[in-house]
PDB file of all heavy atoms in Angstrom:
ATOM      1  N   THR A   1      13.378 -20.293  12.066  1.00  0.00           N
ATOM      2  CA  THR A   1      12.699 -19.576  11.023  1.00  0.00           C
ATOM      3  C   THR A   1      11.500 -20.341  10.459  1.00  0.00           C
ATOM      4  O   THR A   1      11.505 -21.551  10.388  1.00  0.00           O
ATOM      5  CB  THR A   1      13.702 -19.312   9.857  1.00  0.00           C
ATOM      6  OG1 THR A   1      14.803 -18.604  10.351  1.00  0.00           O
ATOM      7  CG2 THR A   1      13.085 -18.530   8.736  1.00  0.00           C
ATOM      8  N   GLY A   2      10.465 -19.566  10.077  1.00  0.00           N
ATOM      9  CA  GLY A   2       9.310 -20.116   9.432  1.00  0.00           C
ATOM     10  C   GLY A   2       8.801 -19.208   8.387  1.00  0.00           C
ATOM     11  O   GLY A   2       9.494 -18.194   8.043  1.00  0.00           O
ATOM     12  N   TYR A   3       7.613 -19.455   7.833  1.00  0.00           N
ATOM     13  CA  TYR A   3       7.064 -18.553   6.858  1.00  0.00           C
ATOM     14  C   TYR A   3       6.713 -17.185   7.525  1.00  0.00           C
ATOM     15  O   TYR A   3       6.921 -16.146   6.932  1.00  0.00           O
ATOM     16  CB  TYR A   3       5.807 -19.112   6.265  1.00  0.00           C
ATOM     17  CG  TYR A   3       6.078 -20.320   5.376  1.00  0.00           C
ATOM     18  CD1 TYR A   3       5.949 -21.596   5.846  1.00  0.00           C
ATOM     19  CD2 TYR A   3       6.413 -20.101   4.047  1.00  0.00           C
ATOM     20  CE1 TYR A   3       6.223 -22.677   5.019  1.00  0.00           C
ATOM     21  CE2 TYR A   3       6.708 -21.178   3.230  1.00  0.00           C
ATOM     22  CZ  TYR A   3       6.610 -22.491   3.712  1.00  0.00           C
ATOM     23  OH  TYR A   3       6.885 -23.512   2.920  1.00  0.00           O
ATOM     24  N   LEU A   4       6.216 -17.251   8.750  1.00  0.00           N
ATOM     25  CA  LEU A   4       5.865 -16.042   9.496  1.00  0.00           C
ATOM     26  C   LEU A   4       6.798 -15.804  10.665  1.00  0.00           C
ATOM     27  O   LEU A   4       7.229 -14.670  10.885  1.00  0.00           O
ATOM     28  CB  LEU A   4       4.422 -16.218  10.002  1.00  0.00           C
ATOM     29  CG  LEU A   4       3.828 -15.022  10.750  1.00  0.00           C
ATOM     30  CD1 LEU A   4       3.734 -13.817   9.834  1.00  0.00           C
ATOM     31  CD2 LEU A   4       2.442 -15.390  11.283  1.00  0.00           C
ATOM     32  N   HIS A   5       7.166 -16.875  11.362  1.00  0.00           N
ATOM     33  CA  HIS A   5       7.999 -16.742  12.528  1.00  0.00           C
ATOM     34  C   HIS A   5       9.417 -16.368  12.157  1.00  0.00           C
ATOM     35  O   HIS A   5      10.053 -16.971  11.325  1.00  0.00           O
ATOM     36  CB  HIS A   5       7.975 -18.045  13.333  1.00  0.00           C
ATOM     37  CG  HIS A   5       8.595 -17.926  14.674  1.00  0.00           C
ATOM     38  ND1 HIS A   5       9.903 -18.255  14.929  1.00  0.00           N
ATOM     39  CD2 HIS A   5       8.055 -17.518  15.822  1.00  0.00           C
ATOM     40  CE1 HIS A   5      10.161 -18.022  16.203  1.00  0.00           C
ATOM     41  NE2 HIS A   5       9.048 -17.596  16.779  1.00  0.00           N
ATOM     42  N   LYS A   6       9.938 -15.344  12.824  1.00  0.00           N
ATOM     43  CA  LYS A   6      11.298 -14.900  12.541  1.00  0.00           C
ATOM     44  C   LYS A   6      12.233 -15.727  13.414  1.00  0.00           C
ATOM     45  O   LYS A   6      11.994 -15.850  14.604  1.00  0.00           O
ATOM     46  CB  LYS A   6      11.465 -13.391  12.799  1.00  0.00           C
ATOM     47  CG  LYS A   6      10.607 -12.572  11.810  1.00  0.00           C
ATOM     48  CD  LYS A   6      10.911 -11.128  11.892  1.00  0.00           C
ATOM     49  CE  LYS A   6      10.066 -10.387  10.938  1.00  0.00           C
ATOM     50  NZ  LYS A   6      10.620 -10.254   9.602  1.00  0.00           N
ATOM     51  N   GLY A   7      13.268 -16.219  12.797  1.00  0.00           N
ATOM     52  CA  GLY A   7      14.199 -17.107  13.497  1.00  0.00           C
ATOM     53  C   GLY A   7      15.247 -16.366  14.315  1.00  0.00           C
ATOM     54  O   GLY A   7      15.110 -15.211  14.681  1.00  0.00           O
ATOM     55  N   LEU A   8      16.321 -17.075  14.591  1.00  0.00           N
ATOM     56  CA  LEU A   8      17.371 -16.561  15.455  1.00  0.00           C
ATOM     57  C   LEU A   8      18.036 -15.274  14.962  1.00  0.00           C
ATOM     58  O   LEU A   8      18.549 -14.478  15.756  1.00  0.00           O
ATOM     59  CB  LEU A   8      18.449 -17.653  15.611  1.00  0.00           C
ATOM     60  CG  LEU A   8      18.008 -18.925  16.250  1.00  0.00           C
ATOM     61  CD1 LEU A   8      19.136 -19.987  16.247  1.00  0.00           C
ATOM     62  CD2 LEU A   8      17.488 -18.712  17.665  1.00  0.00           C
ATOM     63  N   THR A   9      17.963 -15.007  13.651  1.00  0.00           N
ATOM     64  CA  THR A   9      18.533 -13.774  13.076  1.00  0.00           C
ATOM     65  C   THR A   9      17.439 -12.811  12.731  1.00  0.00           C
ATOM     66  O   THR A   9      17.669 -11.859  11.924  1.00  0.00           O
ATOM     67  CB  THR A   9      19.366 -14.071  11.853  1.00  0.00           C
ATOM     68  OG1 THR A   9      18.591 -14.671  10.866  1.00  0.00           O
ATOM     69  CG2 THR A   9      20.584 -14.957  12.220  1.00  0.00           C
ATOM     70  N   GLN A  10      16.236 -13.009  13.225  1.00  0.00           N
ATOM     71  CA  GLN A  10      15.096 -12.172  12.956  1.00  0.00           C
ATOM     72  C   GLN A  10      14.735 -12.149  11.502  1.00  0.00           C
ATOM     73  O   GLN A  10      14.322 -11.138  10.920  1.00  0.00           O
ATOM     74  CB  GLN A  10      15.294 -10.733  13.486  1.00  0.00           C
ATOM     75  CG  GLN A  10      15.410 -10.660  15.003  1.00  0.00           C
ATOM     76  CD  GLN A  10      14.197 -11.206  15.691  1.00  0.00           C
ATOM     77  OE1 GLN A  10      13.029 -10.775  15.431  1.00  0.00           O
ATOM     78  NE2 GLN A  10      14.355 -12.204  16.537  1.00  0.00           N
ATOM     79  N   ALA A  11      14.865 -13.290  10.855  1.00  0.00           N
ATOM     80  CA  ALA A  11      14.482 -13.473   9.437  1.00  0.00           C
ATOM     81  C   ALA A  11      13.415 -14.542   9.297  1.00  0.00           C
ATOM     82  O   ALA A  11      13.462 -15.530   9.990  1.00  0.00           O
ATOM     83  CB  ALA A  11      15.732 -13.888   8.615  1.00  0.00           C
ATOM     84  N   ALA A  12      12.493 -14.282   8.416  1.00  0.00           N
ATOM     85  CA  ALA A  12      11.495 -15.293   8.017  1.00  0.00           C
ATOM     86  C   ALA A  12      11.899 -15.860   6.691  1.00  0.00           C
ATOM     87  O   ALA A  12      12.867 -15.393   6.078  1.00  0.00           O
ATOM     88  CB  ALA A  12      10.108 -14.642   7.945  1.00  0.00           C
ATOM     89  N   PHE A  13      11.161 -16.886   6.177  1.00  0.00           N
ATOM     90  CA  PHE A  13      11.554 -17.510   4.919  1.00  0.00           C
ATOM     91  C   PHE A  13      11.631 -16.487   3.788  1.00  0.00           C
ATOM     92  O   PHE A  13      12.484 -16.594   2.916  1.00  0.00           O
ATOM     93  CB  PHE A  13      10.543 -18.624   4.554  1.00  0.00           C
ATOM     94  CG  PHE A  13      10.772 -19.892   5.332  1.00  0.00           C
ATOM     95  CD1 PHE A  13       9.765 -20.863   5.386  1.00  0.00           C
ATOM     96  CD2 PHE A  13      11.964 -20.186   6.001  1.00  0.00           C
ATOM     97  CE1 PHE A  13       9.950 -22.027   6.053  1.00  0.00           C
ATOM     98  CE2 PHE A  13      12.141 -21.379   6.706  1.00  0.00           C
ATOM     99  CZ  PHE A  13      11.126 -22.285   6.710  1.00  0.00           C
ATOM    100  N   SER A  14      10.725 -15.519   3.755  1.00  0.00           N
ATOM    101  CA  SER A  14      10.782 -14.522   2.681  1.00  0.00           C
ATOM    102  C   SER A  14      12.100 -13.732   2.691  1.00  0.00           C
ATOM    103  O   SER A  14      12.617 -13.421   1.602  1.00  0.00           O
ATOM    104  CB  SER A  14       9.606 -13.533   2.803  1.00  0.00           C
ATOM    105  OG  SER A  14       8.398 -14.204   2.466  1.00  0.00           O
ATOM    106  N   ASP A  15      12.639 -13.464   3.870  1.00  0.00           N
ATOM    107  CA  ASP A  15      13.924 -12.785   3.963  1.00  0.00           C
ATOM    108  C   ASP A  15      15.037 -13.665   3.409  1.00  0.00           C
ATOM    109  O   ASP A  15      15.937 -13.214   2.718  1.00  0.00           O
ATOM    110  CB  ASP A  15      14.249 -12.402   5.416  1.00  0.00           C
ATOM    111  CG  ASP A  15      13.203 -11.442   5.986  1.00  0.00           C
ATOM    112  OD1 ASP A  15      12.896 -10.432   5.372  1.00  0.00           O
ATOM    113  OD2 ASP A  15      12.666 -11.777   7.089  1.00  0.00           O
ATOM    114  N   LEU A  16      14.938 -14.946   3.705  1.00  0.00           N
ATOM    115  CA  LEU A  16      15.960 -15.910   3.215  1.00  0.00           C
ATOM    116  C   LEU A  16      15.852 -16.081   1.723  1.00  0.00           C
ATOM    117  O   LEU A  16      16.857 -16.279   1.038  1.00  0.00           O
ATOM    118  CB  LEU A  16      15.828 -17.290   3.923  1.00  0.00           C
ATOM    119  CG  LEU A  16      15.948 -17.241   5.470  1.00  0.00           C
ATOM    120  CD1 LEU A  16      15.821 -18.628   6.054  1.00  0.00           C
ATOM    121  CD2 LEU A  16      17.244 -16.584   5.902  1.00  0.00           C
ATOM    122  N   ILE A  17      14.631 -16.073   1.200  1.00  0.00           N
ATOM    123  CA  ILE A  17      14.428 -16.170  -0.230  1.00  0.00           C
ATOM    124  C   ILE A  17      15.085 -14.989  -0.922  1.00  0.00           C
ATOM    125  O   ILE A  17      15.735 -15.147  -1.962  1.00  0.00           O
ATOM    126  CB  ILE A  17      12.917 -16.197  -0.595  1.00  0.00           C
ATOM    127  CG1 ILE A  17      12.318 -17.555  -0.118  1.00  0.00           C
ATOM    128  CG2 ILE A  17      12.653 -15.955  -2.027  1.00  0.00           C
ATOM    129  CD1 ILE A  17      10.815 -17.617  -0.065  1.00  0.00           C
ATOM    130  N   LYS A  18      14.977 -13.793  -0.366  1.00  0.00           N
ATOM    131  CA  LYS A  18      15.620 -12.631  -0.923  1.00  0.00           C
ATOM    132  C   LYS A  18      17.116 -12.755  -0.990  1.00  0.00           C
ATOM    133  O   LYS A  18      17.776 -12.271  -1.910  1.00  0.00           O
ATOM    134  CB  LYS A  18      15.257 -11.381  -0.190  1.00  0.00           C
ATOM    135  CG  LYS A  18      13.779 -10.979  -0.364  1.00  0.00           C
ATOM    136  CD  LYS A  18      13.440  -9.828   0.556  1.00  0.00           C
ATOM    137  CE  LYS A  18      11.915  -9.578   0.564  1.00  0.00           C
ATOM    138  NZ  LYS A  18      11.501  -8.593   1.535  1.00  0.00           N
ATOM    139  N   GLU A  19      17.720 -13.488  -0.024  1.00  0.00           N
ATOM    140  CA  GLU A  19      19.141 -13.691   0.042  1.00  0.00           C
ATOM    141  C   GLU A  19      19.627 -14.731  -0.984  1.00  0.00           C
ATOM    142  O   GLU A  19      20.692 -14.603  -1.518  1.00  0.00           O
ATOM    143  CB  GLU A  19      19.572 -14.187   1.432  1.00  0.00           C
ATOM    144  CG  GLU A  19      19.553 -13.196   2.525  1.00  0.00           C
ATOM    145  CD  GLU A  19      19.952 -13.854   3.848  1.00  0.00           C
ATOM    146  OE1 GLU A  19      20.410 -15.003   3.891  1.00  0.00           O
ATOM    147  OE2 GLU A  19      19.764 -13.201   4.890  1.00  0.00           O
ATOM    148  N   ALA A  20      18.841 -15.787  -1.122  1.00  0.00           N
ATOM    149  CA  ALA A  20      19.368 -16.980  -1.809  1.00  0.00           C
ATOM    150  C   ALA A  20      18.890 -17.195  -3.241  1.00  0.00           C
ATOM    151  O   ALA A  20      19.582 -17.800  -4.027  1.00  0.00           O
ATOM    152  CB  ALA A  20      19.156 -18.196  -0.956  1.00  0.00           C
ATOM    153  N   VAL A  21      17.650 -16.868  -3.536  1.00  0.00           N
ATOM    154  CA  VAL A  21      17.021 -17.212  -4.784  1.00  0.00           C
ATOM    155  C   VAL A  21      17.471 -16.243  -5.905  1.00  0.00           C
ATOM    156  O   VAL A  21      17.404 -15.034  -5.716  1.00  0.00           O
ATOM    157  CB  VAL A  21      15.504 -17.270  -4.675  1.00  0.00           C
ATOM    158  CG1 VAL A  21      14.848 -17.574  -6.006  1.00  0.00           C
ATOM    159  CG2 VAL A  21      15.102 -18.317  -3.640  1.00  0.00           C
ATOM    160  N   ARG A  22      17.962 -16.824  -6.969  1.00  0.00           N
ATOM    161  CA  ARG A  22      18.472 -16.059  -8.113  1.00  0.00           C
ATOM    162  C   ARG A  22      17.647 -16.394  -9.409  1.00  0.00           C
ATOM    163  O   ARG A  22      17.075 -17.445  -9.510  1.00  0.00           O
ATOM    164  CB  ARG A  22      19.932 -16.420  -8.341  1.00  0.00           C
ATOM    165  CG  ARG A  22      20.848 -16.179  -7.171  1.00  0.00           C
ATOM    166  CD  ARG A  22      21.049 -14.648  -6.958  1.00  0.00           C
ATOM    167  NE  ARG A  22      21.864 -14.422  -5.776  1.00  0.00           N
ATOM    168  CZ  ARG A  22      21.391 -13.945  -4.627  1.00  0.00           C
ATOM    169  NH1 ARG A  22      20.134 -13.700  -4.490  1.00  0.00           N
ATOM    170  NH2 ARG A  22      22.192 -13.737  -3.630  1.00  0.00           N
ATOM    171  N   PRO A  23      17.674 -15.482 -10.354  1.00  0.00           N
ATOM    172  CA  PRO A  23      16.885 -15.686 -11.591  1.00  0.00           C
ATOM    173  C   PRO A  23      17.202 -16.963 -12.367  1.00  0.00           C
ATOM    174  O   PRO A  23      16.338 -17.523 -13.014  1.00  0.00           O
ATOM    175  CB  PRO A  23      17.216 -14.435 -12.457  1.00  0.00           C
ATOM    176  CG  PRO A  23      17.666 -13.405 -11.467  1.00  0.00           C
ATOM    177  CD  PRO A  23      18.308 -14.172 -10.334  1.00  0.00           C
ATOM    178  N   ASP A  24      18.421 -17.448 -12.287  1.00  0.00           N
ATOM    179  CA  ASP A  24      18.759 -18.667 -13.029  1.00  0.00           C
ATOM    180  C   ASP A  24      18.558 -19.952 -12.262  1.00  0.00           C
ATOM    181  O   ASP A  24      18.850 -21.025 -12.796  1.00  0.00           O
ATOM    182  CB  ASP A  24      20.221 -18.566 -13.539  1.00  0.00           C
ATOM    183  CG  ASP A  24      21.243 -18.554 -12.396  1.00  0.00           C
ATOM    184  OD1 ASP A  24      20.882 -18.190 -11.284  1.00  0.00           O
ATOM    185  OD2 ASP A  24      22.385 -18.939 -12.677  1.00  0.00           O
ATOM    186  N   ASP A  25      18.000 -19.898 -11.066  1.00  0.00           N
ATOM    187  CA  ASP A  25      17.728 -21.095 -10.297  1.00  0.00           C
ATOM    188  C   ASP A  25      16.764 -21.968 -11.073  1.00  0.00           C
ATOM    189  O   ASP A  25      15.789 -21.508 -11.638  1.00  0.00           O
ATOM    190  CB  ASP A  25      17.127 -20.782  -8.924  1.00  0.00           C
ATOM    191  CG  ASP A  25      18.128 -20.238  -7.953  1.00  0.00           C
ATOM    192  OD1 ASP A  25      19.387 -20.448  -8.194  1.00  0.00           O
ATOM    193  OD2 ASP A  25      17.747 -19.633  -6.942  1.00  0.00           O
ATOM    194  N   LYS A  26      17.060 -23.260 -11.080  1.00  0.00           N
ATOM    195  CA  LYS A  26      16.176 -24.243 -11.737  1.00  0.00           C
ATOM    196  C   LYS A  26      15.224 -24.901 -10.708  1.00  0.00           C
ATOM    197  O   LYS A  26      14.102 -25.293 -11.086  1.00  0.00           O
ATOM    198  CB  LYS A  26      16.978 -25.349 -12.365  1.00  0.00           C
ATOM    199  CG  LYS A  26      17.904 -24.863 -13.461  1.00  0.00           C
ATOM    200  CD  LYS A  26      17.143 -24.213 -14.593  1.00  0.00           C
ATOM    201  CE  LYS A  26      18.086 -23.723 -15.641  1.00  0.00           C
ATOM    202  NZ  LYS A  26      17.470 -22.776 -16.556  1.00  0.00           N
ATOM    203  N   VAL A  27      15.598 -24.956  -9.466  1.00  0.00           N
ATOM    204  CA  VAL A  27      14.803 -25.520  -8.407  1.00  0.00           C
ATOM    205  C   VAL A  27      14.992 -24.665  -7.144  1.00  0.00           C
ATOM    206  O   VAL A  27      16.090 -24.257  -6.813  1.00  0.00           O
ATOM    207  CB  VAL A  27      15.233 -26.980  -8.091  1.00  0.00           C
ATOM    208  CG1 VAL A  27      14.402 -27.529  -6.933  1.00  0.00           C
ATOM    209  CG2 VAL A  27      15.119 -27.873  -9.303  1.00  0.00           C
ATOM    210  N   VAL A  28      13.876 -24.425  -6.457  1.00  0.00           N
ATOM    211  CA  VAL A  28      13.892 -23.800  -5.151  1.00  0.00           C
ATOM    212  C   VAL A  28      13.170 -24.749  -4.194  1.00  0.00           C
ATOM    213  O   VAL A  28      12.078 -25.157  -4.441  1.00  0.00           O
ATOM    214  CB  VAL A  28      13.213 -22.435  -5.137  1.00  0.00           C
ATOM    215  CG1 VAL A  28      13.198 -21.852  -3.722  1.00  0.00           C
ATOM    216  CG2 VAL A  28      13.899 -21.466  -6.069  1.00  0.00           C
ATOM    217  N   VAL A  29      13.887 -25.144  -3.144  1.00  0.00           N
ATOM    218  CA  VAL A  29      13.327 -26.044  -2.126  1.00  0.00           C
ATOM    219  C   VAL A  29      13.076 -25.229  -0.871  1.00  0.00           C
ATOM    220  O   VAL A  29      13.998 -24.545  -0.385  1.00  0.00           O
ATOM    221  CB  VAL A  29      14.270 -27.211  -1.807  1.00  0.00           C
ATOM    222  CG1 VAL A  29      13.679 -28.112  -0.694  1.00  0.00           C
ATOM    223  CG2 VAL A  29      14.586 -28.032  -3.055  1.00  0.00           C
ATOM    224  N   ILE A  30      11.861 -25.276  -0.346  1.00  0.00           N
ATOM    225  CA  ILE A  30      11.574 -24.688   0.958  1.00  0.00           C
ATOM    226  C   ILE A  30      11.236 -25.824   1.858  1.00  0.00           C
ATOM    227  O   ILE A  30      10.347 -26.616   1.642  1.00  0.00           O
ATOM    228  CB  ILE A  30      10.395 -23.697   0.916  1.00  0.00           C
ATOM    229  CG1 ILE A  30      10.669 -22.569  -0.042  1.00  0.00           C
ATOM    230  CG2 ILE A  30      10.064 -23.178   2.320  1.00  0.00           C
ATOM    231  CD1 ILE A  30       9.554 -21.552  -0.219  1.00  0.00           C
ATOM    232  N   PHE A  31      12.074 -25.956   2.934  1.00  0.00           N
ATOM    233  CA  PHE A  31      11.966 -27.098   3.847  1.00  0.00           C
ATOM    234  C   PHE A  31      11.726 -26.497   5.261  1.00  0.00           C
ATOM    235  O   PHE A  31      12.613 -25.969   5.865  1.00  0.00           O
ATOM    236  CB  PHE A  31      13.273 -27.854   3.818  1.00  0.00           C
ATOM    237  CG  PHE A  31      13.263 -29.198   4.509  1.00  0.00           C
ATOM    238  CD1 PHE A  31      13.239 -30.361   3.814  1.00  0.00           C
ATOM    239  CD2 PHE A  31      13.249 -29.289   5.919  1.00  0.00           C
ATOM    240  CE1 PHE A  31      13.230 -31.624   4.426  1.00  0.00           C
ATOM    241  CE2 PHE A  31      13.255 -30.511   6.513  1.00  0.00           C
ATOM    242  CZ  PHE A  31      13.214 -31.672   5.787  1.00  0.00           C
ATOM    243  N   GLY A  32      10.472 -26.649   5.724  1.00  0.00           N
ATOM    244  CA  GLY A  32      10.182 -26.185   7.073  1.00  0.00           C
ATOM    245  C   GLY A  32       8.730 -25.849   7.282  1.00  0.00           C
ATOM    246  O   GLY A  32       7.880 -26.245   6.511  1.00  0.00           O
ATOM    247  N   GLY A  33       8.501 -25.039   8.271  1.00  0.00           N
ATOM    248  CA  GLY A  33       7.139 -24.621   8.627  1.00  0.00           C
ATOM    249  C   GLY A  33       6.757 -24.953  10.030  1.00  0.00           C
ATOM    250  O   GLY A  33       5.785 -24.394  10.580  1.00  0.00           O
ATOM    251  N   MET A  34       7.473 -25.834  10.650  1.00  0.00           N
ATOM    252  CA  MET A  34       7.138 -26.216  12.044  1.00  0.00           C
ATOM    253  C   MET A  34       7.208 -25.033  13.028  1.00  0.00           C
ATOM    254  O   MET A  34       6.455 -24.957  13.975  1.00  0.00           O
ATOM    255  CB  MET A  34       8.096 -27.338  12.524  1.00  0.00           C
ATOM    256  CG  MET A  34       7.760 -27.812  13.946  1.00  0.00           C
ATOM    257  SD  MET A  34       8.811 -29.153  14.471  1.00  0.00           S
ATOM    258  CE  MET A  34      10.364 -28.296  14.674  1.00  0.00           C
ATOM    259  N   ASN A  35       8.098 -24.098  12.718  1.00  0.00           N
ATOM    260  CA  ASN A  35       8.272 -22.969  13.635  1.00  0.00           C
ATOM    261  C   ASN A  35       7.111 -21.978  13.634  1.00  0.00           C
ATOM    262  O   ASN A  35       7.120 -21.042  14.422  1.00  0.00           O
ATOM    263  CB  ASN A  35       9.634 -22.257  13.322  1.00  0.00           C
ATOM    264  CG  ASN A  35      10.781 -23.137  13.653  1.00  0.00           C
ATOM    265  OD1 ASN A  35      10.840 -23.717  14.725  1.00  0.00           O
ATOM    266  ND2 ASN A  35      11.721 -23.258  12.722  1.00  0.00           N
ATOM    267  N   ASP A  36       6.188 -22.167  12.695  1.00  0.00           N
ATOM    268  CA  ASP A  36       4.997 -21.317  12.642  1.00  0.00           C
ATOM    269  C   ASP A  36       3.889 -21.851  13.572  1.00  0.00           C
ATOM    270  O   ASP A  36       2.837 -21.242  13.631  1.00  0.00           O
ATOM    271  CB  ASP A  36       4.481 -21.162  11.216  1.00  0.00           C
ATOM    272  CG  ASP A  36       5.437 -20.368  10.377  1.00  0.00           C
ATOM    273  OD1 ASP A  36       5.918 -19.282  10.848  1.00  0.00           O
ATOM    274  OD2 ASP A  36       5.727 -20.754   9.229  1.00  0.00           O
ATOM    275  N   THR A  37       4.128 -22.947  14.231  1.00  0.00           N
ATOM    276  CA  THR A  37       3.144 -23.519  15.145  1.00  0.00           C
ATOM    277  C   THR A  37       2.786 -22.459  16.197  1.00  0.00           C
ATOM    278  O   THR A  37       3.664 -21.847  16.778  1.00  0.00           O
ATOM    279  CB  THR A  37       3.701 -24.770  15.833  1.00  0.00           C
ATOM    280  OG1 THR A  37       4.035 -25.727  14.868  1.00  0.00           O
ATOM    281  CG2 THR A  37       2.662 -25.361  16.778  1.00  0.00           C
ATOM    282  N   GLY A  38       1.527 -22.243  16.414  1.00  0.00           N
ATOM    283  CA  GLY A  38       1.083 -21.268  17.383  1.00  0.00           C
ATOM    284  C   GLY A  38       0.837 -19.898  16.831  1.00  0.00           C
ATOM    285  O   GLY A  38       0.171 -19.033  17.462  1.00  0.00           O
TER     286      GLY A  38
END
């Protein structure tokens, strides 16, 4: 998965953000980006 590249489950980071990020989160860590190479 990357910001643009869809990973093994056909999800990009935005899709994962929709799954995991909640209004009461104090910190959101995005770790990656290498899969967008090319």
